[in-house]
């Protein structure tokens, strides 16, 4: 067990090391890659494991202790941005077709610097992806919080809202079922949840247990007690309104696709999923992860 546990701990810290991010004991247990274990057993074993360091209750790879010093400041900046995201989300939640809003990326991971934007993930009512996005863009523009396309993490993007994932509630299973996606989902901070959408999303993505068994065990158990009975469509979907909304969905989709023409890079655009990532971080992160595993001799 010691060898397997040590390798699981090293893999977990190696992944976080890509982001210069040390982990607390609880985070190390939650994100421990592919190794189900009681937290007490893990915490007892940690002092005897080689290749890792602990200082000020943070764990990192040996020789990387310098990343611990900055985490306290990153926590402060991330907390402030999360509070801002909650204020914006409270307004976006008024859109009838918004089912869930979660903060993702560096802010959710408590690893954002002061110039970061705020990534969010929106789940919409079925077949209302494009009209929701159109309405959200109008609202964040009016609030002065819309992140402009191609703005870098400088003054133009600081504290701006960047919804880079929209998912249709009719198909909640996420693509790219790998460690990168599992960690992104596990780290996200849900700030609005309607009709048990978050709970349904977790159930639809139970594949995560392969990568993060401890997080899944804790989170799925905590969020498993719900019933889908009594979940009704938004008032705006009832009666004859649905025909009008179908037309608006088609119209806003056509308008937005026309606007995007010639600007698209690595975005994912499908009937039930929109992902706007001009630079695919998955490829870079997994490449860096493999490099670290090779250096550590962990396979």
Protein backbone atom coordinates (compact mmCIF):
# COMPACT_ATOMS: atom_id res chain seq x y z
CA UNK A 1 0.00 0.00 0.00
CA UNK A 2 2.79 2.46 0.86
CA UNK A 3 4.26 2.43 -2.67
CA UNK A 4 0.87 2.82 -4.35
CA UNK A 5 -0.20 5.53 -1.92
CA UNK A 6 3.08 7.42 -2.35
CA UNK A 7 2.68 7.35 -6.14
CA UNK A 8 -0.93 8.54 -5.88
CA UNK A 9 0.17 11.44 -3.64
CA UNK A 10 3.02 12.34 -6.01
CA UNK A 11 0.69 12.27 -9.02
CA UNK A 12 -1.77 14.53 -7.23
CA UNK A 13 0.88 17.03 -6.15
CA UNK A 14 2.49 16.91 -9.60
CA UNK A 15 -0.79 17.96 -11.20
CA UNK A 16 -1.25 20.86 -8.78
CA UNK A 17 2.41 21.82 -9.25
CA UNK A 18 1.64 22.75 -12.86
CA UNK A 19 -0.33 25.67 -11.40
CA UNK A 20 2.24 26.43 -8.65
CA UNK A 21 -0.45 25.41 -6.18
CA UNK A 22 0.24 23.58 -2.90
CA UNK A 23 -2.59 21.59 -1.30
CA UNK A 24 -4.03 21.39 2.18
CA UNK A 25 -4.56 17.97 3.77
CA UNK A 26 -8.24 18.03 2.89
CA UNK A 27 -7.56 19.05 -0.71
CA UNK A 28 -4.94 16.32 -1.04
CA UNK A 29 -7.48 13.76 0.14
CA UNK A 30 -10.25 15.10 -2.12
CA UNK A 31 -8.07 15.22 -5.23
CA UNK A 32 -6.00 12.09 -4.55
CA UNK A 33 -5.81 10.54 -7.98
CA UNK A 34 -7.35 7.09 -8.37
CA UNK A 35 -6.79 5.99 -4.77
CA UNK A 36 -9.81 5.62 -2.44
CA UNK A 37 -8.72 5.99 1.18
CA UNK A 38 -10.09 7.10 4.53
CA UNK A 39 -8.83 10.63 5.31
CA UNK A 40 -7.50 9.57 8.72
CA UNK A 41 -5.42 6.80 7.18
CA UNK A 42 -4.00 9.21 4.60
CA UNK A 43 -3.13 11.89 7.16
CA UNK A 44 -1.37 9.34 9.34
CA UNK A 45 0.69 8.04 6.42
CA UNK A 46 1.74 11.41 4.96
CA UNK A 47 4.72 12.14 7.30
CA UNK A 48 6.42 8.89 6.25
CA UNK A 49 6.13 9.47 2.48
CA UNK A 50 9.25 10.61 0.63
CA UNK A 51 9.34 13.18 -2.16
CA UNK A 52 6.88 15.58 -0.55
CA UNK A 53 7.18 18.55 1.77
CA UNK A 54 4.77 20.12 4.27
CA UNK A 55 5.00 23.65 5.59
CA UNK A 56 2.32 25.85 7.17
CA UNK A 57 -0.20 23.01 6.62
CA UNK A 58 0.40 22.97 2.85
CA UNK A 59 1.82 20.05 0.88
CA UNK A 60 3.92 20.21 -2.28
CA UNK A 61 6.64 18.29 -4.10
CA UNK A 62 10.10 18.34 -2.52
CA UNK A 63 12.10 21.32 -3.73
CA UNK A 64 9.00 23.35 -4.53
CA UNK A 65 8.39 24.91 -1.13
CA UNK A 66 8.53 28.43 -2.60
CA UNK A 67 5.04 28.03 -4.05
CA UNK A 68 3.59 27.90 -0.53
CA UNK A 69 4.35 31.54 0.24
CA UNK A 70 2.15 32.94 -2.51
CA UNK A 71 -0.93 30.83 -1.84
CA UNK A 72 -2.13 33.00 1.06
CA UNK A 73 -2.25 36.07 -1.20
CA UNK A 74 -3.91 34.10 -4.01
CA UNK A 75 -6.59 32.98 -1.56
CA UNK A 76 -7.38 36.61 -0.76
CA UNK A 77 -7.63 37.69 -4.40
CA UNK A 78 -9.69 34.63 -5.29
CA UNK A 79 -12.10 35.21 -2.40
CA UNK A 80 -12.73 38.79 -3.52
CA UNK A 81 -13.38 37.69 -7.08
CA UNK A 82 -15.71 34.93 -5.91
CA UNK A 83 -17.81 37.46 -3.99
CA UNK A 84 -18.02 39.61 -7.13
CA UNK A 85 -19.05 36.55 -9.15
CA UNK A 86 -21.87 35.84 -6.68
CA UNK A 87 -23.23 39.37 -7.12
CA UNK A 88 -23.23 39.03 -10.91
CA UNK A 89 -24.67 35.50 -10.75
CA UNK A 90 -27.58 36.75 -8.62
CA UNK A 91 -28.56 39.00 -11.54
CA UNK A 92 -27.93 36.40 -14.25
CA UNK A 93 -30.10 33.96 -12.29
CA UNK A 94 -33.08 36.12 -13.24
CA UNK A 95 -32.77 34.79 -16.80
CA UNK A 96 -35.63 32.23 -16.87
CA UNK A 97 -33.60 29.56 -18.67
CA UNK A 98 -30.57 29.57 -16.37
CA UNK A 99 -30.52 26.35 -14.32
CA UNK A 100 -27.05 26.52 -12.77
CA UNK A 101 -24.13 28.93 -12.53
CA UNK A 102 -20.70 27.85 -11.27
CA UNK A 103 -17.42 29.72 -10.99
CA UNK A 104 -14.61 27.71 -12.58
CA UNK A 105 -10.92 28.05 -13.38
CA UNK A 106 -8.39 29.85 -11.23
CA UNK A 107 -10.93 31.71 -9.08
CA UNK A 108 -12.75 28.50 -8.11
CA UNK A 109 -9.41 26.80 -7.42
CA UNK A 110 -8.40 29.73 -5.16
CA UNK A 111 -5.43 30.32 -7.42
CA UNK A 112 -6.29 33.61 -9.14
CA UNK A 113 -4.00 36.63 -9.16
CA UNK A 114 -5.31 40.19 -9.02
CA UNK A 115 -5.49 40.59 -12.82
CA UNK A 116 -7.47 37.42 -13.55
CA UNK A 117 -10.91 37.42 -15.11
CA UNK A 118 -13.70 35.24 -13.65
CA UNK A 119 -14.64 32.10 -15.59
CA UNK A 120 -18.18 30.81 -15.19
CA UNK A 121 -20.09 27.75 -16.36
CA UNK A 122 -23.81 28.02 -17.16
CA UNK A 123 -26.31 25.19 -17.53
CA UNK A 124 -29.45 26.19 -19.41
CA UNK A 125 -32.93 24.78 -19.87
CA UNK A 126 -33.16 22.26 -22.73
CA UNK A 127 -32.96 23.86 -26.18
CA UNK A 128 -32.33 27.33 -24.75
CA UNK A 129 -28.52 27.52 -25.07
CA UNK A 130 -28.29 30.38 -27.54
CA UNK A 131 -31.07 32.63 -26.23
CA UNK A 132 -29.58 32.28 -22.74
CA UNK A 133 -26.12 33.21 -23.96
CA UNK A 134 -27.48 36.19 -25.90
CA UNK A 135 -29.35 37.47 -22.83
CA UNK A 136 -26.35 36.89 -20.57
CA UNK A 137 -24.06 38.88 -22.89
CA UNK A 138 -26.53 41.78 -22.93
CA UNK A 139 -26.77 41.78 -19.14
CA UNK A 140 -23.03 41.60 -18.44
CA UNK A 141 -22.48 44.35 -21.01
CA UNK A 142 -24.96 46.59 -19.19
CA UNK A 143 -23.30 45.74 -15.86
CA UNK A 144 -19.88 46.64 -17.30
CA UNK A 145 -18.66 43.13 -16.49
CA UNK A 146 -18.51 41.53 -19.91
CA UNK A 147 -15.07 40.22 -20.83
CA UNK A 148 -14.18 41.39 -24.30
CA UNK A 149 -13.03 38.76 -26.82
CA UNK A 150 -9.24 38.37 -27.05
CA UNK A 151 -8.64 40.51 -23.95
CA UNK A 152 -5.62 39.20 -22.12
CA UNK A 153 -5.27 38.87 -18.32
CA UNK A 154 -4.41 42.51 -17.89
CA UNK A 155 -6.50 45.59 -17.23
CA UNK A 156 -8.95 44.70 -20.01
CA UNK A 157 -9.87 41.37 -18.43
CA UNK A 158 -9.45 42.03 -14.71
CA UNK A 159 -12.60 41.10 -12.75
CA UNK A 160 -14.58 40.65 -15.96
CA UNK A 161 -17.07 37.80 -16.25
CA UNK A 162 -16.09 35.18 -18.81
CA UNK A 163 -18.74 32.49 -19.32
CA UNK A 164 -16.75 29.96 -21.32
CA UNK A 165 -18.97 26.89 -20.96
CA UNK A 166 -22.70 26.61 -21.65
CA UNK A 167 -24.39 23.22 -21.30
CA UNK A 168 -27.92 22.16 -22.20
CA UNK A 169 -29.68 20.49 -19.23
CA UNK A 170 -31.10 17.93 -21.62
CA UNK A 171 -27.65 16.30 -21.94
CA UNK A 172 -25.56 16.77 -18.82
CA UNK A 173 -22.82 14.22 -19.48
CA UNK A 174 -19.57 16.09 -20.08
CA UNK A 175 -17.19 15.18 -22.92
CA UNK A 176 -13.41 14.71 -22.48
CA UNK A 177 -13.76 12.35 -19.54
CA UNK A 178 -10.22 12.64 -18.22
CA UNK A 179 -8.27 13.93 -15.23
CA UNK A 180 -8.27 17.51 -16.50
CA UNK A 181 -12.06 17.65 -16.76
CA UNK A 182 -12.55 15.81 -13.46
CA UNK A 183 -10.39 18.34 -11.60
CA UNK A 184 -12.14 21.29 -13.25
CA UNK A 185 -15.55 19.95 -12.21
CA UNK A 186 -14.43 19.08 -8.68
CA UNK A 187 -12.94 22.54 -8.10
CA UNK A 188 -15.87 24.59 -9.39
CA UNK A 189 -17.90 26.72 -6.97
CA UNK A 190 -21.65 26.53 -7.58
CA UNK A 191 -23.23 29.94 -6.93
CA UNK A 192 -26.73 29.26 -8.30
CA UNK A 193 -28.55 25.94 -8.47
CA UNK A 194 -32.13 25.52 -9.63
CA UNK A 195 -34.22 22.34 -9.81
CA UNK A 196 -31.36 20.19 -8.45
CA UNK A 197 -29.37 20.81 -11.62
CA UNK A 198 -26.00 20.45 -9.87
CA UNK A 199 -27.07 17.14 -8.33
CA UNK A 200 -28.27 15.86 -11.70
CA UNK A 201 -25.02 17.04 -13.30
CA UNK A 202 -22.96 15.08 -10.77
CA UNK A 203 -25.02 11.95 -11.32
CA UNK A 204 -24.57 12.27 -15.10
CA UNK A 205 -20.81 12.55 -14.65
CA UNK A 206 -20.19 9.69 -12.23
CA UNK A 207 -17.27 8.67 -14.51
CA UNK A 208 -15.24 11.09 -12.36
CA UNK A 209 -14.97 8.42 -9.68
CA UNK A 210 -12.21 6.73 -11.67
CA UNK A 211 -10.02 9.81 -11.24
CA UNK A 212 -11.22 11.30 -7.95
CA UNK A 213 -12.78 8.52 -5.86
CA UNK A 214 -12.54 10.36 -2.54
CA UNK A 215 -14.08 13.58 -3.82
CA UNK A 216 -16.85 11.62 -5.53
CA UNK A 217 -17.54 9.55 -2.44
CA UNK A 218 -17.92 12.64 -0.28
CA UNK A 219 -19.73 14.87 -2.78
CA UNK A 220 -22.08 12.37 -4.41
CA UNK A 221 -23.18 11.12 -1.00
CA UNK A 222 -23.83 14.67 0.20
CA UNK A 223 -25.81 15.57 -2.94
CA UNK A 224 -27.68 12.31 -3.58
CA UNK A 225 -30.81 13.05 -1.55
CA UNK A 226 -33.09 14.77 -4.04
CA UNK A 227 -36.16 14.03 -6.13
CA UNK A 228 -36.84 15.08 -9.70
CA UNK A 229 -40.59 15.02 -9.14
CA UNK A 230 -42.20 18.41 -9.22
CA UNK A 231 -39.53 19.97 -11.44
CA UNK A 232 -41.41 22.22 -13.83
CA UNK A 233 -40.25 24.17 -16.87
CA UNK A 234 -39.88 27.94 -16.48
CA UNK A 235 -43.13 29.92 -16.68
CA UNK A 236 -41.88 31.43 -19.94
CA UNK A 237 -41.82 27.93 -21.48
CA UNK A 238 -45.47 27.15 -20.86
CA UNK A 239 -48.42 27.51 -23.16
CA UNK A 240 -47.82 29.25 -26.48
CA UNK A 241 -44.59 30.88 -25.30
CA UNK A 242 -42.53 27.84 -26.25
CA UNK A 243 -43.17 28.41 -29.98
CA UNK A 244 -41.99 32.00 -29.68
CA UNK A 245 -38.93 30.90 -27.73
CA UNK A 246 -38.08 28.25 -30.31
CA UNK A 247 -38.02 31.05 -32.88
CA UNK A 248 -35.87 33.27 -30.63
CA UNK A 249 -33.50 30.37 -30.02
CA UNK A 250 -33.02 29.89 -33.77
CA UNK A 251 -32.68 33.63 -34.36
CA UNK A 252 -30.13 34.26 -31.61
CA UNK A 253 -28.16 31.20 -32.71
CA UNK A 254 -27.97 32.52 -36.29
CA UNK A 255 -26.95 36.01 -35.12
CA UNK A 256 -24.21 34.71 -32.82
CA UNK A 257 -22.81 32.22 -35.32
CA UNK A 258 -22.61 35.00 -37.90
CA UNK A 259 -20.76 37.19 -35.39
CA UNK A 260 -18.33 34.35 -34.63
CA UNK A 261 -17.58 33.63 -38.28
CA UNK A 262 -13.88 34.19 -38.92
CA UNK A 263 -13.11 34.50 -35.20
CA UNK A 264 -13.28 30.84 -34.18
CA UNK A 265 -10.16 29.00 -32.96
CA UNK A 266 -10.43 25.92 -30.70
CA UNK A 267 -14.03 26.49 -29.56
CA UNK A 268 -16.51 23.62 -29.26
CA UNK A 269 -19.93 24.39 -30.71
CA UNK A 270 -22.64 21.73 -30.75
CA UNK A 271 -26.40 21.49 -30.18
CA UNK A 272 -26.00 20.96 -26.44
CA UNK A 273 -22.56 22.34 -25.56
CA UNK A 274 -20.65 25.57 -26.14
CA UNK A 275 -17.05 25.82 -24.95
CA UNK A 276 -15.10 28.99 -25.60
CA UNK A 277 -11.40 28.42 -24.95
CA UNK A 278 -9.24 30.26 -27.53
CA UNK A 279 -6.25 28.35 -26.12
CA UNK A 280 -6.84 24.71 -25.27
CA UNK A 281 -5.37 24.40 -21.77
CA UNK A 282 -6.04 20.66 -21.64
CA UNK A 283 -3.24 19.87 -24.07
CA UNK A 284 -0.71 22.07 -22.27
CA UNK A 285 -1.65 20.88 -18.80
CA UNK A 286 -1.56 17.17 -19.63
CA UNK A 287 1.79 17.59 -21.41
CA UNK A 288 3.26 19.30 -18.34
CA UNK A 289 1.74 16.64 -16.11
CA UNK A 290 3.43 13.84 -18.05
CA UNK A 291 6.77 15.66 -17.87
CA UNK A 292 6.52 15.86 -14.09
CA UNK A 293 5.59 12.21 -13.76
CA UNK A 294 8.62 11.24 -15.81
CA UNK A 295 10.92 13.31 -13.60
CA UNK A 296 9.39 11.71 -10.51
CA UNK A 297 9.63 8.20 -11.95
CA UNK A 298 5.89 7.68 -11.51
CA UNK A 299 3.98 5.98 -14.31
